[in-house]
Amino acid sequence: MKSYKSTILLAGLILAGLISSGAVAQETSAETDAPKADTREQAKTSDEIVFNGDNGKPWRLYLGSMNNWMVPINGPETTSYKSNVVKVRWIDNVAELDAIQAEWNGGLGQIYWQQGNPRDYRELSAKGAALSIVLRVDEKPKKTVDLKMDCGYPCAGSLNMTRLLKAVPENQWFRISLKLSCFEESGANMANILAPLVVATKDNFTLSISDVRITMNPPPESVVACN
């Protein structure tokens, strides 16, 4: 199995403190030699799974743009209402159609996971829990990319992830973990979280995601400092 820990592409990121080499997925496809992250094997029984290859209860995936901010993801591909601002399609990572790819094409758009009832993450935030995401940058962002926890408009905790997402190699799966306290410090009301992950940008950008979870045990090397 080929290791990606020592690649030249990652060396600068490691030295810059943007990401640790250990955060990079090391599982490799025999056909494409592209890294694959089998996050299911890393699941802890205490983790709250937001997304792990399905789109159902309790968390449902949506996309939105100025014409309609709440378009549910249905079928193999969903596009923003009366526009091509953002589209989401199902793709393969470890298994068939077990990940999503979101493509932004100019204009403000977002994707997010939401359920009917708000969650109270105050205790988890105080204990050091993190939002942990396995993702892949397929096209680097042209403008600012914000990762948010939404607590009911206009309430949100927003983290600017543009620098990291521009710096990582394209087409390579890796995990990042963001402490809930980071979102709390940036404005999220942790007693009333409606959407634990919102990804928003205003220009061209393509991102794939295969796993989203709230965990008390994020891999230490995957934890990104609050910005």
Protein backbone atom coordinates (compact mmCIF):
# COMPACT_ATOMS: atom_id res chain seq x y z
CA MET A 1 0.00 0.00 0.00
CA LYS A 2 1.43 3.31 -1.04
CA SER A 3 1.86 5.92 1.71
CA TYR A 4 1.00 9.57 1.04
CA LYS A 5 2.54 10.84 4.28
CA SER A 6 5.77 11.99 2.72
CA THR A 7 4.64 13.41 -0.60
CA ILE A 8 6.20 16.68 -1.68
CA LEU A 9 2.75 18.14 -2.22
CA LEU A 10 1.92 17.76 1.45
CA ALA A 11 5.28 18.82 2.83
CA GLY A 12 4.52 22.51 2.53
CA LEU A 13 1.15 22.08 4.19
CA ILE A 14 2.65 20.22 7.10
CA LEU A 15 5.36 22.83 7.59
CA ALA A 16 2.78 25.59 7.36
CA GLY A 17 0.71 23.93 10.06
CA LEU A 18 -2.36 23.72 7.82
CA ILE A 19 -2.71 19.97 8.05
CA SER A 20 -0.82 16.99 9.40
CA SER A 21 0.48 14.25 7.16
CA GLY A 22 -1.45 11.74 9.24
CA ALA A 23 -4.73 13.30 8.17
CA VAL A 24 -4.28 12.12 4.60
CA ALA A 25 -6.12 8.98 3.59
CA GLN A 26 -3.75 6.17 2.71
CA GLU A 27 -6.06 3.62 1.16
CA THR A 28 -5.38 3.41 -2.56
CA SER A 29 -7.52 2.35 -5.47
CA ALA A 30 -5.85 -0.33 -7.57
CA GLU A 31 -7.38 1.16 -10.71
CA THR A 32 -6.69 4.87 -10.23
CA ASP A 33 -4.01 4.95 -7.53
CA ALA A 34 -6.13 7.68 -5.86
CA PRO A 35 -6.38 7.65 -2.06
CA LYS A 36 -9.58 6.34 -0.50
CA ALA A 37 -10.68 6.79 3.09
CA ASP A 38 -12.74 3.95 4.58
CA THR A 39 -14.19 5.95 7.43
CA ARG A 40 -16.63 3.22 8.47
CA GLU A 41 -13.82 1.26 10.09
CA GLN A 42 -12.92 4.33 12.16
CA ALA A 43 -16.42 4.86 13.57
CA LYS A 44 -16.78 4.96 17.35
CA THR A 45 -20.03 3.86 18.98
CA SER A 46 -20.26 7.26 20.66
CA ASP A 47 -19.98 9.17 17.38
CA GLU A 48 -23.04 10.92 16.01
CA ILE A 49 -23.12 10.14 12.31
CA VAL A 50 -24.35 13.02 10.19
CA PHE A 51 -23.39 11.47 6.84
CA ASN A 52 -21.72 8.18 6.02
CA GLY A 53 -22.82 7.35 2.52
CA ASP A 54 -26.59 7.61 2.87
CA ASN A 55 -29.17 10.39 2.81
CA GLY A 56 -31.87 9.70 5.34
CA LYS A 57 -32.97 10.05 8.94
CA PRO A 58 -32.27 11.98 10.98
CA TRP A 59 -29.96 14.17 8.87
CA ARG A 60 -31.02 15.07 5.34
CA LEU A 61 -28.83 16.72 2.71
CA TYR A 62 -29.97 19.93 1.00
CA LEU A 63 -28.55 22.50 -1.37
CA GLY A 64 -29.53 26.12 -1.76
CA SER A 65 -29.06 29.32 -3.75
CA MET A 66 -30.76 32.71 -3.93
CA ASN A 67 -33.81 31.24 -5.73
CA ASN A 68 -34.46 28.55 -3.11
CA TRP A 69 -32.34 27.88 -0.04
CA MET A 70 -33.87 24.48 0.76
CA VAL A 71 -33.74 22.02 -2.14
CA PRO A 72 -33.63 18.39 -0.93
CA ILE A 73 -31.12 16.09 -2.60
CA ASN A 74 -33.03 13.47 -4.58
CA GLY A 75 -31.84 11.05 -7.23
CA PRO A 76 -28.37 10.74 -8.74
CA GLU A 77 -27.99 14.52 -9.32
CA THR A 78 -29.75 17.60 -7.94
CA THR A 79 -29.30 21.17 -9.20
CA SER A 80 -30.20 24.45 -7.53
CA TYR A 81 -33.66 25.81 -8.34
CA LYS A 82 -33.87 27.72 -11.66
CA SER A 83 -30.10 28.06 -11.79
CA ASN A 84 -26.87 26.13 -12.15
CA VAL A 85 -25.24 27.76 -9.13
CA VAL A 86 -24.70 24.53 -7.23
CA LYS A 87 -25.31 20.87 -8.00
CA VAL A 88 -24.82 17.69 -6.00
CA ARG A 89 -24.22 14.23 -7.45
CA TRP A 90 -23.54 10.85 -5.87
CA ILE A 91 -20.09 9.35 -6.48
CA ASP A 92 -18.07 6.29 -5.47
CA ASN A 93 -15.41 6.30 -2.78
CA VAL A 94 -15.07 3.04 -0.85
CA ALA A 95 -18.35 1.58 -2.10
CA GLU A 96 -20.76 2.38 -4.90
CA LEU A 97 -22.39 5.81 -4.54
CA ASP A 98 -21.24 6.25 -0.94
CA ALA A 99 -20.10 9.89 -1.23
CA ILE A 100 -21.35 13.16 -2.66
CA GLN A 101 -19.70 15.69 -4.93
CA ALA A 102 -20.84 19.33 -4.75
CA GLU A 103 -20.03 21.65 -7.64
CA TRP A 104 -20.39 25.44 -7.48
CA ASN A 105 -20.54 27.38 -10.75
CA GLY A 106 -20.56 31.03 -9.71
CA GLY A 107 -23.00 32.85 -7.46
CA LEU A 108 -23.72 32.20 -3.79
CA GLY A 109 -24.66 28.61 -3.06
CA GLN A 110 -24.43 26.14 -0.22
CA ILE A 111 -24.94 22.53 0.80
CA TYR A 112 -25.95 21.45 4.28
CA TRP A 113 -27.27 18.64 6.45
CA GLN A 114 -30.37 19.39 8.52
CA GLN A 115 -33.02 17.60 10.55
CA GLY A 116 -36.40 18.67 11.88
CA ASN A 117 -35.45 19.19 15.51
CA PRO A 118 -32.50 21.28 16.73
CA ARG A 119 -29.70 19.58 18.63
CA ASP A 120 -28.10 20.73 21.86
CA TYR A 121 -24.32 20.36 21.60
CA ARG A 122 -23.36 22.49 24.62
CA GLU A 123 -22.11 19.57 26.66
CA LEU A 124 -20.19 18.04 23.77
CA SER A 125 -18.62 21.39 22.95
CA ALA A 126 -17.51 21.84 26.56
CA LYS A 127 -15.97 18.35 26.55
CA GLY A 128 -13.90 19.00 23.42
CA ALA A 129 -15.93 17.19 20.74
CA ALA A 130 -15.25 17.93 17.09
CA LEU A 131 -17.01 17.99 13.74
CA SER A 132 -14.95 15.53 11.70
CA ILE A 133 -15.18 15.43 7.90
CA VAL A 134 -13.61 13.23 5.22
CA LEU A 135 -13.38 15.29 2.05
CA ARG A 136 -11.62 15.73 -1.26
CA VAL A 137 -10.97 18.95 -3.17
CA ASP A 138 -11.69 18.32 -6.86
CA GLU A 139 -11.42 21.95 -7.99
CA LYS A 140 -9.84 24.56 -5.75
CA PRO A 141 -12.03 27.48 -4.66
CA LYS A 142 -11.88 30.83 -6.41
CA LYS A 143 -13.36 32.75 -3.48
CA THR A 144 -13.96 32.37 0.24
CA VAL A 145 -15.31 29.02 1.47
CA ASP A 146 -17.06 29.02 4.84
CA LEU A 147 -17.84 25.95 6.93
CA LYS A 148 -20.69 26.74 9.31
CA MET A 149 -22.84 25.33 12.06
CA ASP A 150 -26.29 26.85 11.63
CA CYS A 151 -28.50 27.74 14.59
CA GLY A 152 -31.39 29.41 12.76
CA TYR A 153 -30.92 32.36 10.40
CA PRO A 154 -29.11 34.66 10.97
CA CYS A 155 -27.45 32.70 13.79
CA ALA A 156 -24.38 30.70 12.72
CA GLY A 157 -20.81 29.94 13.67
CA SER A 158 -18.64 30.32 10.56
CA LEU A 159 -15.04 29.26 9.93
CA ASN A 160 -13.12 30.46 6.87
CA MET A 161 -11.49 27.35 5.37
CA THR A 162 -10.30 28.93 2.11
CA ARG A 163 -6.58 28.82 2.85
CA LEU A 164 -6.60 25.13 3.70
CA LEU A 165 -8.82 24.14 0.77
CA LYS A 166 -6.59 26.04 -1.66
CA ALA A 167 -3.43 24.51 -0.20
CA VAL A 168 -4.29 20.80 -0.18
CA PRO A 169 -3.63 18.61 -3.23
CA GLU A 170 -6.60 18.06 -5.50
CA ASN A 171 -8.24 14.63 -5.89
CA GLN A 172 -6.99 13.27 -2.57
CA TRP A 173 -9.22 12.19 0.31
CA PHE A 174 -8.28 13.40 3.78
CA ARG A 175 -9.91 14.08 7.14
CA ILE A 176 -10.22 17.39 8.95
CA SER A 177 -11.68 17.83 12.43
CA LEU A 178 -12.95 21.15 13.77
CA LYS A 179 -13.67 21.55 17.48
CA LEU A 180 -17.27 22.47 18.24
CA SER A 181 -15.89 25.19 20.48
CA CYS A 182 -14.47 26.90 17.37
CA PHE A 183 -17.98 27.27 15.95
CA GLU A 184 -19.28 28.36 19.34
CA GLU A 185 -16.60 31.04 19.61
CA SER A 186 -17.52 32.32 16.14
CA GLY A 187 -21.19 32.76 16.98
CA ALA A 188 -23.02 29.41 17.00
CA ASN A 189 -25.66 28.86 19.67
CA MET A 190 -24.75 25.31 20.59
CA ALA A 191 -28.11 24.79 22.32
CA ASN A 192 -29.96 25.14 19.01
CA ILE A 193 -28.00 23.57 16.13
CA LEU A 194 -30.21 22.98 13.11
CA ALA A 195 -27.45 22.16 10.61
CA PRO A 196 -24.12 20.81 11.93
CA LEU A 197 -22.38 21.36 8.58
CA VAL A 198 -23.00 24.04 5.98
CA VAL A 199 -20.51 24.58 3.14
CA ALA A 200 -20.94 27.91 1.33
CA THR A 201 -19.06 29.82 -1.36
CA LYS A 202 -19.71 32.37 -4.14
CA ASP A 203 -17.66 31.10 -7.08
CA ASN A 204 -16.35 28.00 -8.82
CA PHE A 205 -15.41 25.18 -6.46
CA THR A 206 -15.84 21.39 -6.43
CA LEU A 207 -15.74 19.38 -3.21
CA SER A 208 -16.49 15.74 -2.42
CA ILE A 209 -17.52 14.48 1.03
CA SER A 210 -17.77 10.87 2.21
CA ASP A 211 -18.17 11.19 5.98
CA VAL A 212 -19.43 13.75 8.49
CA ARG A 213 -19.65 13.04 12.21
CA ILE A 214 -19.61 14.58 15.67
CA THR A 215 -16.97 12.77 17.68
CA MET A 216 -15.21 12.93 21.02
CA ASN A 217 -12.24 11.10 19.52
CA PRO A 218 -11.04 12.84 16.36
CA PRO A 219 -7.62 11.66 15.15
CA PRO A 220 -5.28 14.20 16.77
CA GLU A 221 -3.43 14.80 13.51
CA SER A 222 -6.68 15.78 11.77
CA VAL A 223 -7.61 18.60 14.16
CA VAL A 224 -7.46 22.05 12.56
CA ALA A 225 -6.92 25.04 14.85
CA CYS A 226 -9.64 27.68 15.12
CA ASN A 227 -8.93 30.48 12.66
